[in-house]
Amino acid sequence: MDLQISLFLLFVLFTAGHSFSCYECVSMTGSCSDQKVKTCPSGFSKCTSLTTVTQVGGINQKIKDCTPDCVNGSMNLGIVGTTSVCCNTDLCNVKDAPGIV
């Protein structure tokens, strides 16, 4: 009987699944030095790192979080530019997305 219980518990532990984690932060100062680890909700299987630079006011915003989907790329609209970097492994968004040049 003890063997059956032990095998059942072992099965439950190994099939419980692995939670996906990303770094999370929002910074208006240009650095995500205070980033924290966030366990992503169900369906959020990618991490993202975004940088948005606004020429008016000199805002340099950094955002990191979990996301359900994401596209790598950048866009420059003159006074506002943004760069998005996506990845799909645990804690892969440790680096900030590059700024717009």
PDB file of N, CA and C in Angstrom:
ATOM      1  N   MET A   1       0.826  -1.196   0.000  1.00  0.00           N
ATOM      2  CA  MET A   1       0.000   0.000   0.000  1.00  0.00           C
ATOM      3  C   MET A   1       0.871   1.259   0.000  1.00  0.00           C
ATOM      4  N   ASP A   2       1.920   1.265   0.805  1.00  0.00           N
ATOM      5  CA  ASP A   2       2.805   2.428   0.856  1.00  0.00           C
ATOM      6  C   ASP A   2       3.480   2.679  -0.490  1.00  0.00           C
ATOM      7  N   LEU A   3       3.802   1.608  -1.197  1.00  0.00           N
ATOM      8  CA  LEU A   3       4.423   1.748  -2.507  1.00  0.00           C
ATOM      9  C   LEU A   3       3.463   2.417  -3.492  1.00  0.00           C
ATOM     10  N   GLN A   4       2.194   2.074  -3.443  1.00  0.00           N
ATOM     11  CA  GLN A   4       1.208   2.684  -4.334  1.00  0.00           C
ATOM     12  C   GLN A   4       1.061   4.176  -4.052  1.00  0.00           C
ATOM     13  N   ILE A   5       1.019   4.535  -2.792  1.00  0.00           N
ATOM     14  CA  ILE A   5       0.906   5.955  -2.422  1.00  0.00           C
ATOM     15  C   ILE A   5       2.148   6.709  -2.860  1.00  0.00           C
ATOM     16  N   SER A   6       3.310   6.119  -2.636  1.00  0.00           N
ATOM     17  CA  SER A   6       4.565   6.769  -3.031  1.00  0.00           C
ATOM     18  C   SER A   6       4.628   6.975  -4.539  1.00  0.00           C
ATOM     19  N   LEU A   7       4.229   5.962  -5.301  1.00  0.00           N
ATOM     20  CA  LEU A   7       4.240   6.093  -6.757  1.00  0.00           C
ATOM     21  C   LEU A   7       3.244   7.144  -7.231  1.00  0.00           C
ATOM     22  N   PHE A   8       2.082   7.200  -6.605  1.00  0.00           N
ATOM     23  CA  PHE A   8       1.088   8.208  -6.960  1.00  0.00           C
ATOM     24  C   PHE A   8       1.625   9.617  -6.697  1.00  0.00           C
ATOM     25  N   LEU A   9       2.212   9.835  -5.532  1.00  0.00           N
ATOM     26  CA  LEU A   9       2.758  11.154  -5.199  1.00  0.00           C
ATOM     27  C   LEU A   9       3.891  11.536  -6.140  1.00  0.00           C
ATOM     28  N   LEU A  10       4.731  10.580  -6.472  1.00  0.00           N
ATOM     29  CA  LEU A  10       5.824  10.837  -7.403  1.00  0.00           C
ATOM     30  C   LEU A  10       5.279  11.229  -8.775  1.00  0.00           C
ATOM     31  N   PHE A  11       4.247  10.546  -9.235  1.00  0.00           N
ATOM     32  CA  PHE A  11       3.611  10.865 -10.511  1.00  0.00           C
ATOM     33  C   PHE A  11       3.034  12.278 -10.499  1.00  0.00           C
ATOM     34  N   VAL A  12       2.365  12.645  -9.413  1.00  0.00           N
ATOM     35  CA  VAL A  12       1.763  13.975  -9.295  1.00  0.00           C
ATOM     36  C   VAL A  12       2.838  15.050  -9.334  1.00  0.00           C
ATOM     37  N   LEU A  13       3.936  14.827  -8.644  1.00  0.00           N
ATOM     38  CA  LEU A  13       5.013  15.819  -8.619  1.00  0.00           C
ATOM     39  C   LEU A  13       5.638  16.012  -9.996  1.00  0.00           C
ATOM     40  N   PHE A  14       5.838  14.941 -10.743  1.00  0.00           N
ATOM     41  CA  PHE A  14       6.487  15.054 -12.041  1.00  0.00           C
ATOM     42  C   PHE A  14       5.562  15.536 -13.145  1.00  0.00           C
ATOM     43  N   THR A  15       4.264  15.397 -12.979  1.00  0.00           N
ATOM     44  CA  THR A  15       3.340  15.830 -14.025  1.00  0.00           C
ATOM     45  C   THR A  15       2.649  17.140 -13.693  1.00  0.00           C
ATOM     46  N   ALA A  16       3.046  17.775 -12.603  1.00  0.00           N
ATOM     47  CA  ALA A  16       2.401  19.025 -12.199  1.00  0.00           C
ATOM     48  C   ALA A  16       2.692  20.153 -13.180  1.00  0.00           C
ATOM     49  N   GLY A  17       3.737  20.022 -13.961  1.00  0.00           N
ATOM     50  CA  GLY A  17       4.055  21.061 -14.934  1.00  0.00           C
ATOM     51  C   GLY A  17       5.087  22.029 -14.404  1.00  0.00           C
ATOM     52  N   HIS A  18       5.675  22.729 -15.319  1.00  0.00           N
ATOM     53  CA  HIS A  18       6.707  23.702 -14.994  1.00  0.00           C
ATOM     54  C   HIS A  18       6.143  25.092 -15.236  1.00  0.00           C
ATOM     55  N   SER A  19       6.230  25.937 -14.239  1.00  0.00           N
ATOM     56  CA  SER A  19       5.742  27.306 -14.423  1.00  0.00           C
ATOM     57  C   SER A  19       6.802  28.116 -15.162  1.00  0.00           C
ATOM     58  N   PHE A  20       6.365  28.973 -16.038  1.00  0.00           N
ATOM     59  CA  PHE A  20       7.229  29.794 -16.880  1.00  0.00           C
ATOM     60  C   PHE A  20       7.449  31.132 -16.186  1.00  0.00           C
ATOM     61  N   SER A  21       8.674  31.625 -16.192  1.00  0.00           N
ATOM     62  CA  SER A  21       8.992  32.877 -15.506  1.00  0.00           C
ATOM     63  C   SER A  21       9.717  33.849 -16.423  1.00  0.00           C
ATOM     64  N   CYS A  22       9.450  35.133 -16.196  1.00  0.00           N
ATOM     65  CA  CYS A  22      10.125  36.221 -16.913  1.00  0.00           C
ATOM     66  C   CYS A  22      10.511  37.290 -15.898  1.00  0.00           C
ATOM     67  N   TYR A  23      11.423  38.162 -16.316  1.00  0.00           N
ATOM     68  CA  TYR A  23      11.699  39.343 -15.506  1.00  0.00           C
ATOM     69  C   TYR A  23      10.607  40.366 -15.767  1.00  0.00           C
ATOM     70  N   GLU A  24      10.286  41.139 -14.730  1.00  0.00           N
ATOM     71  CA  GLU A  24       9.247  42.161 -14.822  1.00  0.00           C
ATOM     72  C   GLU A  24       9.794  43.477 -14.278  1.00  0.00           C
ATOM     73  N   CYS A  25       9.563  44.544 -15.009  1.00  0.00           N
ATOM     74  CA  CYS A  25       9.887  45.880 -14.510  1.00  0.00           C
ATOM     75  C   CYS A  25       9.269  46.923 -15.430  1.00  0.00           C
ATOM     76  N   VAL A  26       9.081  48.100 -14.890  1.00  0.00           N
ATOM     77  CA  VAL A  26       8.682  49.277 -15.656  1.00  0.00           C
ATOM     78  C   VAL A  26       9.552  50.408 -15.141  1.00  0.00           C
ATOM     79  N   SER A  27      10.307  51.028 -16.029  1.00  0.00           N
ATOM     80  CA  SER A  27      11.203  52.107 -15.631  1.00  0.00           C
ATOM     81  C   SER A  27      11.069  53.280 -16.588  1.00  0.00           C
ATOM     82  N   MET A  28      10.982  54.461 -16.040  1.00  0.00           N
ATOM     83  CA  MET A  28      10.951  55.684 -16.847  1.00  0.00           C
ATOM     84  C   MET A  28      12.316  56.371 -16.850  1.00  0.00           C
ATOM     85  N   THR A  29      13.301  55.758 -16.197  1.00  0.00           N
ATOM     86  CA  THR A  29      14.616  56.378 -16.063  1.00  0.00           C
ATOM     87  C   THR A  29      15.658  55.783 -17.001  1.00  0.00           C
ATOM     88  N   GLY A  30      15.268  54.816 -17.820  1.00  0.00           N
ATOM     89  CA  GLY A  30      16.205  54.262 -18.783  1.00  0.00           C
ATOM     90  C   GLY A  30      16.929  53.016 -18.340  1.00  0.00           C
ATOM     91  N   SER A  31      16.615  52.461 -17.168  1.00  0.00           N
ATOM     92  CA  SER A  31      17.272  51.248 -16.714  1.00  0.00           C
ATOM     93  C   SER A  31      16.301  50.400 -15.906  1.00  0.00           C
ATOM     94  N   CYS A  32      16.324  49.109 -16.143  1.00  0.00           N
ATOM     95  CA  CYS A  32      15.489  48.183 -15.372  1.00  0.00           C
ATOM     96  C   CYS A  32      16.331  47.523 -14.281  1.00  0.00           C
ATOM     97  N   SER A  33      16.960  48.325 -13.459  1.00  0.00           N
ATOM     98  CA  SER A  33      17.827  47.784 -12.417  1.00  0.00           C
ATOM     99  C   SER A  33      17.046  47.136 -11.281  1.00  0.00           C
ATOM    100  N   ASP A  34      15.753  47.432 -11.163  1.00  0.00           N
ATOM    101  CA  ASP A  34      14.941  46.877 -10.077  1.00  0.00           C
ATOM    102  C   ASP A  34      14.043  45.735 -10.554  1.00  0.00           C
ATOM    103  N   GLN A  35      14.467  45.008 -11.596  1.00  0.00           N
ATOM    104  CA  GLN A  35      13.618  43.955 -12.150  1.00  0.00           C
ATOM    105  C   GLN A  35      13.415  42.817 -11.156  1.00  0.00           C
ATOM    106  N   LYS A  36      12.227  42.215 -11.220  1.00  0.00           N
ATOM    107  CA  LYS A  36      11.858  41.118 -10.341  1.00  0.00           C
ATOM    108  C   LYS A  36      11.429  39.924 -11.184  1.00  0.00           C
ATOM    109  N   VAL A  37      11.515  38.734 -10.601  1.00  0.00           N
ATOM    110  CA  VAL A  37      11.073  37.523 -11.288  1.00  0.00           C
ATOM    111  C   VAL A  37       9.562  37.398 -11.133  1.00  0.00           C
ATOM    112  N   LYS A  38       8.880  37.144 -12.239  1.00  0.00           N
ATOM    113  CA  LYS A  38       7.422  37.002 -12.241  1.00  0.00           C
ATOM    114  C   LYS A  38       7.057  35.638 -12.820  1.00  0.00           C
ATOM    115  N   THR A  39       6.196  34.905 -12.128  1.00  0.00           N
ATOM    116  CA  THR A  39       5.647  33.666 -12.670  1.00  0.00           C
ATOM    117  C   THR A  39       4.523  34.042 -13.621  1.00  0.00           C
ATOM    118  N   CYS A  40       4.644  33.616 -14.856  1.00  0.00           N
ATOM    119  CA  CYS A  40       3.686  34.020 -15.889  1.00  0.00           C
ATOM    120  C   CYS A  40       2.369  33.259 -15.753  1.00  0.00           C
ATOM    121  N   PRO A  41       1.259  33.942 -16.049  1.00  0.00           N
ATOM    122  CA  PRO A  41      -0.037  33.255 -16.020  1.00  0.00           C
ATOM    123  C   PRO A  41      -0.159  32.254 -17.171  1.00  0.00           C
ATOM    124  N   SER A  42      -1.109  31.380 -17.065  1.00  0.00           N
ATOM    125  CA  SER A  42      -1.360  30.371 -18.094  1.00  0.00           C
ATOM    126  C   SER A  42      -1.579  31.039 -19.455  1.00  0.00           C
ATOM    127  N   GLY A  43      -0.948  30.494 -20.488  1.00  0.00           N
ATOM    128  CA  GLY A  43      -1.081  31.046 -21.831  1.00  0.00           C
ATOM    129  C   GLY A  43      -0.041  32.095 -22.176  1.00  0.00           C
ATOM    130  N   PHE A  44       0.713  32.559 -21.199  1.00  0.00           N
ATOM    131  CA  PHE A  44       1.768  33.548 -21.426  1.00  0.00           C
ATOM    132  C   PHE A  44       3.092  32.791 -21.463  1.00  0.00           C
ATOM    133  N   SER A  45       3.533  32.419 -22.651  1.00  0.00           N
ATOM    134  CA  SER A  45       4.694  31.544 -22.790  1.00  0.00           C
ATOM    135  C   SER A  45       5.905  32.234 -23.403  1.00  0.00           C
ATOM    136  N   LYS A  46       5.881  33.555 -23.452  1.00  0.00           N
ATOM    137  CA  LYS A  46       7.023  34.314 -23.964  1.00  0.00           C
ATOM    138  C   LYS A  46       7.339  35.460 -23.017  1.00  0.00           C
ATOM    139  N   CYS A  47       8.588  35.892 -23.074  1.00  0.00           N
ATOM    140  CA  CYS A  47       9.023  37.069 -22.327  1.00  0.00           C
ATOM    141  C   CYS A  47       9.301  38.177 -23.336  1.00  0.00           C
ATOM    142  N   THR A  48       9.108  39.413 -22.908  1.00  0.00           N
ATOM    143  CA  THR A  48       9.400  40.545 -23.776  1.00  0.00           C
ATOM    144  C   THR A  48      10.200  41.592 -23.019  1.00  0.00           C
ATOM    145  N   SER A  49      10.978  42.317 -23.759  1.00  0.00           N
ATOM    146  CA  SER A  49      11.711  43.471 -23.260  1.00  0.00           C
ATOM    147  C   SER A  49      11.488  44.586 -24.275  1.00  0.00           C
ATOM    148  N   LEU A  50      10.956  45.712 -23.813  1.00  0.00           N
ATOM    149  CA  LEU A  50      10.630  46.837 -24.696  1.00  0.00           C
ATOM    150  C   LEU A  50      11.386  48.082 -24.260  1.00  0.00           C
ATOM    151  N   THR A  51      11.823  48.852 -25.226  1.00  0.00           N
ATOM    152  CA  THR A  51      12.397  50.169 -24.968  1.00  0.00           C
ATOM    153  C   THR A  51      11.648  51.168 -25.834  1.00  0.00           C
ATOM    154  N   THR A  52      11.154  52.227 -25.215  1.00  0.00           N
ATOM    155  CA  THR A  52      10.482  53.303 -25.943  1.00  0.00           C
ATOM    156  C   THR A  52      11.183  54.607 -25.611  1.00  0.00           C
ATOM    157  N   VAL A  53      11.596  55.325 -26.641  1.00  0.00           N
ATOM    158  CA  VAL A  53      12.284  56.603 -26.468  1.00  0.00           C
ATOM    159  C   VAL A  53      11.428  57.693 -27.097  1.00  0.00           C
ATOM    160  N   THR A  54      11.152  58.730 -26.311  1.00  0.00           N
ATOM    161  CA  THR A  54      10.381  59.877 -26.786  1.00  0.00           C
ATOM    162  C   THR A  54      11.308  61.079 -26.850  1.00  0.00           C
ATOM    163  N   GLN A  55      11.422  61.702 -28.020  1.00  0.00           N
ATOM    164  CA  GLN A  55      12.303  62.854 -28.180  1.00  0.00           C
ATOM    165  C   GLN A  55      11.792  64.063 -27.409  1.00  0.00           C
ATOM    166  N   VAL A  56      10.479  64.246 -27.372  1.00  0.00           N
ATOM    167  CA  VAL A  56       9.892  65.359 -26.624  1.00  0.00           C
ATOM    168  C   VAL A  56       9.828  64.943 -25.160  1.00  0.00           C
ATOM    169  N   GLY A  57      10.536  65.646 -24.315  1.00  0.00           N
ATOM    170  CA  GLY A  57      10.553  65.310 -22.897  1.00  0.00           C
ATOM    171  C   GLY A  57      11.655  64.345 -22.516  1.00  0.00           C
ATOM    172  N   GLY A  58      12.321  63.759 -23.488  1.00  0.00           N
ATOM    173  CA  GLY A  58      13.458  62.881 -23.214  1.00  0.00           C
ATOM    174  C   GLY A  58      13.120  61.630 -22.416  1.00  0.00           C
ATOM    175  N   ILE A  59      11.939  61.072 -22.608  1.00  0.00           N
ATOM    176  CA  ILE A  59      11.535  59.882 -21.855  1.00  0.00           C
ATOM    177  C   ILE A  59      12.175  58.650 -22.483  1.00  0.00           C
ATOM    178  N   ASN A  60      12.784  57.816 -21.648  1.00  0.00           N
ATOM    179  CA  ASN A  60      13.411  56.570 -22.068  1.00  0.00           C
ATOM    180  C   ASN A  60      12.815  55.459 -21.207  1.00  0.00           C
ATOM    181  N   GLN A  61      11.741  54.842 -21.696  1.00  0.00           N
ATOM    182  CA  GLN A  61      10.989  53.873 -20.905  1.00  0.00           C
ATOM    183  C   GLN A  61      11.429  52.449 -21.235  1.00  0.00           C
ATOM    184  N   LYS A  62      11.622  51.635 -20.177  1.00  0.00           N
ATOM    185  CA  LYS A  62      11.958  50.217 -20.321  1.00  0.00           C
ATOM    186  C   LYS A  62      10.840  49.405 -19.675  1.00  0.00           C
ATOM    187  N   ILE A  63      10.381  48.371 -20.372  1.00  0.00           N
ATOM    188  CA  ILE A  63       9.342  47.487 -19.845  1.00  0.00           C
ATOM    189  C   ILE A  63       9.771  46.047 -20.093  1.00  0.00           C
ATOM    190  N   LYS A  64       9.609  45.200 -19.075  1.00  0.00           N
ATOM    191  CA  LYS A  64       9.835  43.760 -19.206  1.00  0.00           C
ATOM    192  C   LYS A  64       8.649  43.055 -18.584  1.00  0.00           C
ATOM    193  N   ASP A  65       8.189  41.969 -19.240  1.00  0.00           N
ATOM    194  CA  ASP A  65       7.029  41.255 -18.707  1.00  0.00           C
ATOM    195  C   ASP A  65       6.812  39.951 -19.472  1.00  0.00           C
ATOM    196  N   CYS A  66       5.829  39.176 -19.003  1.00  0.00           N
ATOM    197  CA  CYS A  66       5.340  37.989 -19.708  1.00  0.00           C
ATOM    198  C   CYS A  66       4.388  38.456 -20.804  1.00  0.00           C
ATOM    199  N   THR A  67       4.277  37.675 -21.858  1.00  0.00           N
ATOM    200  CA  THR A  67       3.354  38.024 -22.935  1.00  0.00           C
ATOM    201  C   THR A  67       2.852  36.749 -23.617  1.00  0.00           C
ATOM    202  N   PRO A  68       1.617  36.756 -24.102  1.00  0.00           N
ATOM    203  CA  PRO A  68       1.128  35.571 -24.808  1.00  0.00           C
ATOM    204  C   PRO A  68       1.734  35.442 -26.207  1.00  0.00           C
ATOM    205  N   ASP A  69       2.094  36.565 -26.814  1.00  0.00           N
ATOM    206  CA  ASP A  69       2.700  36.558 -28.136  1.00  0.00           C
ATOM    207  C   ASP A  69       3.516  37.827 -28.293  1.00  0.00           C
ATOM    208  N   CYS A  70       4.470  37.801 -29.194  1.00  0.00           N
ATOM    209  CA  CYS A  70       5.391  38.923 -29.289  1.00  0.00           C
ATOM    210  C   CYS A  70       6.098  38.879 -30.639  1.00  0.00           C
ATOM    211  N   VAL A  71       6.517  40.038 -31.117  1.00  0.00           N
ATOM    212  CA  VAL A  71       7.248  40.146 -32.380  1.00  0.00           C
ATOM    213  C   VAL A  71       8.517  40.956 -32.131  1.00  0.00           C
ATOM    214  N   ASN A  72       9.654  40.431 -32.573  1.00  0.00           N
ATOM    215  CA  ASN A  72      10.903  41.189 -32.514  1.00  0.00           C
ATOM    216  C   ASN A  72      10.859  42.283 -33.569  1.00  0.00           C
ATOM    217  N   GLY A  73      11.318  43.465 -33.201  1.00  0.00           N
ATOM    218  CA  GLY A  73      11.380  44.522 -34.199  1.00  0.00           C
ATOM    219  C   GLY A  73      11.509  45.888 -33.586  1.00  0.00           C
ATOM    220  N   SER A  74      11.581  46.874 -34.454  1.00  0.00           N
ATOM    221  CA  SER A  74      11.656  48.259 -33.995  1.00  0.00           C
ATOM    222  C   SER A  74      10.870  49.140 -34.955  1.00  0.00           C
ATOM    223  N   MET A  75      10.480  50.296 -34.426  1.00  0.00           N
ATOM    224  CA  MET A  75       9.709  51.251 -35.215  1.00  0.00           C
ATOM    225  C   MET A  75      10.127  52.648 -34.776  1.00  0.00           C
ATOM    226  N   ASN A  76      10.397  53.508 -35.740  1.00  0.00           N
ATOM    227  CA  ASN A  76      10.783  54.875 -35.439  1.00  0.00           C
ATOM    228  C   ASN A  76       9.817  55.813 -36.149  1.00  0.00           C
ATOM    229  N   LEU A  77       9.082  56.581 -35.361  1.00  0.00           N
ATOM    230  CA  LEU A  77       8.111  57.527 -35.918  1.00  0.00           C
ATOM    231  C   LEU A  77       8.597  58.970 -35.802  1.00  0.00           C
ATOM    232  N   GLY A  78       9.887  59.151 -35.665  1.00  0.00           N
ATOM    233  CA  GLY A  78      10.448  60.498 -35.563  1.00  0.00           C
ATOM    234  C   GLY A  78      10.576  60.949 -34.124  1.00  0.00           C
ATOM    235  N   ILE A  79       9.466  61.328 -33.514  1.00  0.00           N
ATOM    236  CA  ILE A  79       9.539  61.791 -32.125  1.00  0.00           C
ATOM    237  C   ILE A  79       9.405  60.646 -31.118  1.00  0.00           C
ATOM    238  N   VAL A  80       8.958  59.472 -31.581  1.00  0.00           N
ATOM    239  CA  VAL A  80       8.829  58.294 -30.715  1.00  0.00           C
ATOM    240  C   VAL A  80       9.385  57.086 -31.452  1.00  0.00           C
ATOM    241  N   GLY A  81      10.203  56.309 -30.755  1.00  0.00           N
ATOM    242  CA  GLY A  81      10.724  55.071 -31.313  1.00  0.00           C
ATOM    243  C   GLY A  81      10.613  53.960 -30.292  1.00  0.00           C
ATOM    244  N   THR A  82      10.397  52.743 -30.754  1.00  0.00           N
ATOM    245  CA  THR A  82      10.281  51.614 -29.833  1.00  0.00           C
ATOM    246  C   THR A  82      10.976  50.389 -30.415  1.00  0.00           C
ATOM    247  N   THR A  83      11.540  49.581 -29.533  1.00  0.00           N
ATOM    248  CA  THR A  83      12.184  48.326 -29.900  1.00  0.00           C
ATOM    249  C   THR A  83      11.626  47.228 -29.010  1.00  0.00           C
ATOM    250  N   SER A  84      11.309  46.087 -29.614  1.00  0.00           N
ATOM    251  CA  SER A  84      10.760  44.942 -28.888  1.00  0.00           C
ATOM    252  C   SER A  84      11.644  43.724 -29.125  1.00  0.00           C
ATOM    253  N   VAL A  85      12.022  43.049 -28.046  1.00  0.00           N
ATOM    254  CA  VAL A  85      12.790  41.810 -28.129  1.00  0.00           C
ATOM    255  C   VAL A  85      11.993  40.729 -27.406  1.00  0.00           C
ATOM    256  N   CYS A  86      11.794  39.590 -28.072  1.00  0.00           N
ATOM    257  CA  CYS A  86      10.998  38.491 -27.528  1.00  0.00           C
ATOM    258  C   CYS A  86      11.864  37.245 -27.375  1.00  0.00           C
ATOM    259  N   CYS A  87      11.491  36.402 -26.419  1.00  0.00           N
ATOM    260  CA  CYS A  87      12.187  35.135 -26.223  1.00  0.00           C
ATOM    261  C   CYS A  87      11.235  34.153 -25.546  1.00  0.00           C
ATOM    262  N   ASN A  88      11.598  32.876 -25.526  1.00  0.00           N
ATOM    263  CA  ASN A  88      10.661  31.882 -25.014  1.00  0.00           C
ATOM    264  C   ASN A  88      11.283  30.858 -24.074  1.00  0.00           C
ATOM    265  N   THR A  89      12.286  31.273 -23.305  1.00  0.00           N
ATOM    266  CA  THR A  89      12.844  30.417 -22.261  1.00  0.00           C
ATOM    267  C   THR A  89      12.773  31.159 -20.934  1.00  0.00           C
ATOM    268  N   ASP A  90      12.841  30.414 -19.845  1.00  0.00           N
ATOM    269  CA  ASP A  90      12.750  31.024 -18.521  1.00  0.00           C
ATOM    270  C   ASP A  90      13.774  32.144 -18.339  1.00  0.00           C
ATOM    271  N   LEU A  91      13.292  33.271 -17.854  1.00  0.00           N
ATOM    272  CA  LEU A  91      14.127  34.424 -17.486  1.00  0.00           C
ATOM    273  C   LEU A  91      15.048  34.868 -18.618  1.00  0.00           C
ATOM    274  N   CYS A  92      14.581  34.751 -19.845  1.00  0.00           N
ATOM    275  CA  CYS A  92      15.407  35.087 -21.010  1.00  0.00           C
ATOM    276  C   CYS A  92      15.442  36.582 -21.304  1.00  0.00           C
ATOM    277  N   ASN A  93      14.581  37.383 -20.663  1.00  0.00           N
ATOM    278  CA  ASN A  93      14.541  38.820 -20.942  1.00  0.00           C
ATOM    279  C   ASN A  93      15.355  39.621 -19.930  1.00  0.00           C
ATOM    280  N   VAL A  94      16.497  39.090 -19.545  1.00  0.00           N
ATOM    281  CA  VAL A  94      17.353  39.757 -18.564  1.00  0.00           C
ATOM    282  C   VAL A  94      17.947  41.055 -19.126  1.00  0.00           C
ATOM    283  N   LYS A  95      18.246  41.092 -20.425  1.00  0.00           N
ATOM    284  CA  LYS A  95      18.819  42.296 -21.039  1.00  0.00           C
ATOM    285  C   LYS A  95      17.718  43.247 -21.479  1.00  0.00           C
ATOM    286  N   ASP A  96      17.998  44.540 -21.376  1.00  0.00           N
ATOM    287  CA  ASP A  96      17.078  45.554 -21.890  1.00  0.00           C
ATOM    288  C   ASP A  96      17.085  45.517 -23.416  1.00  0.00           C
ATOM    289  N   ALA A  97      15.949  45.811 -24.023  1.00  0.00           N
ATOM    290  CA  ALA A  97      15.902  45.971 -25.475  1.00  0.00           C
ATOM    291  C   ALA A  97      16.737  47.194 -25.839  1.00  0.00           C
ATOM    292  N   PRO A  98      17.438  47.166 -26.966  1.00  0.00           N
ATOM    293  CA  PRO A  98      18.259  48.323 -27.342  1.00  0.00           C
ATOM    294  C   PRO A  98      17.403  49.542 -27.654  1.00  0.00           C
ATOM    295  N   GLY A  99      18.002  50.699 -27.508  1.00  0.00           N
ATOM    296  CA  GLY A  99      17.311  51.939 -27.843  1.00  0.00           C
ATOM    297  C   GLY A  99      17.310  52.177 -29.341  1.00  0.00           C
ATOM    298  N   ILE A 100      16.526  53.128 -29.772  1.00  0.00           N
ATOM    299  CA  ILE A 100      16.447  53.500 -31.183  1.00  0.00           C
ATOM    300  C   ILE A 100      17.637  54.394 -31.515  1.00  0.00           C
ATOM    301  N   VAL A 101      18.281  54.119 -32.634  1.00  0.00           N
ATOM    302  CA  VAL A 101      19.420  54.959 -33.056  1.00  0.00           C
ATOM    303  C   VAL A 101      19.028  55.861 -34.193  1.00  0.00           C
TER     304      VAL A 101
END
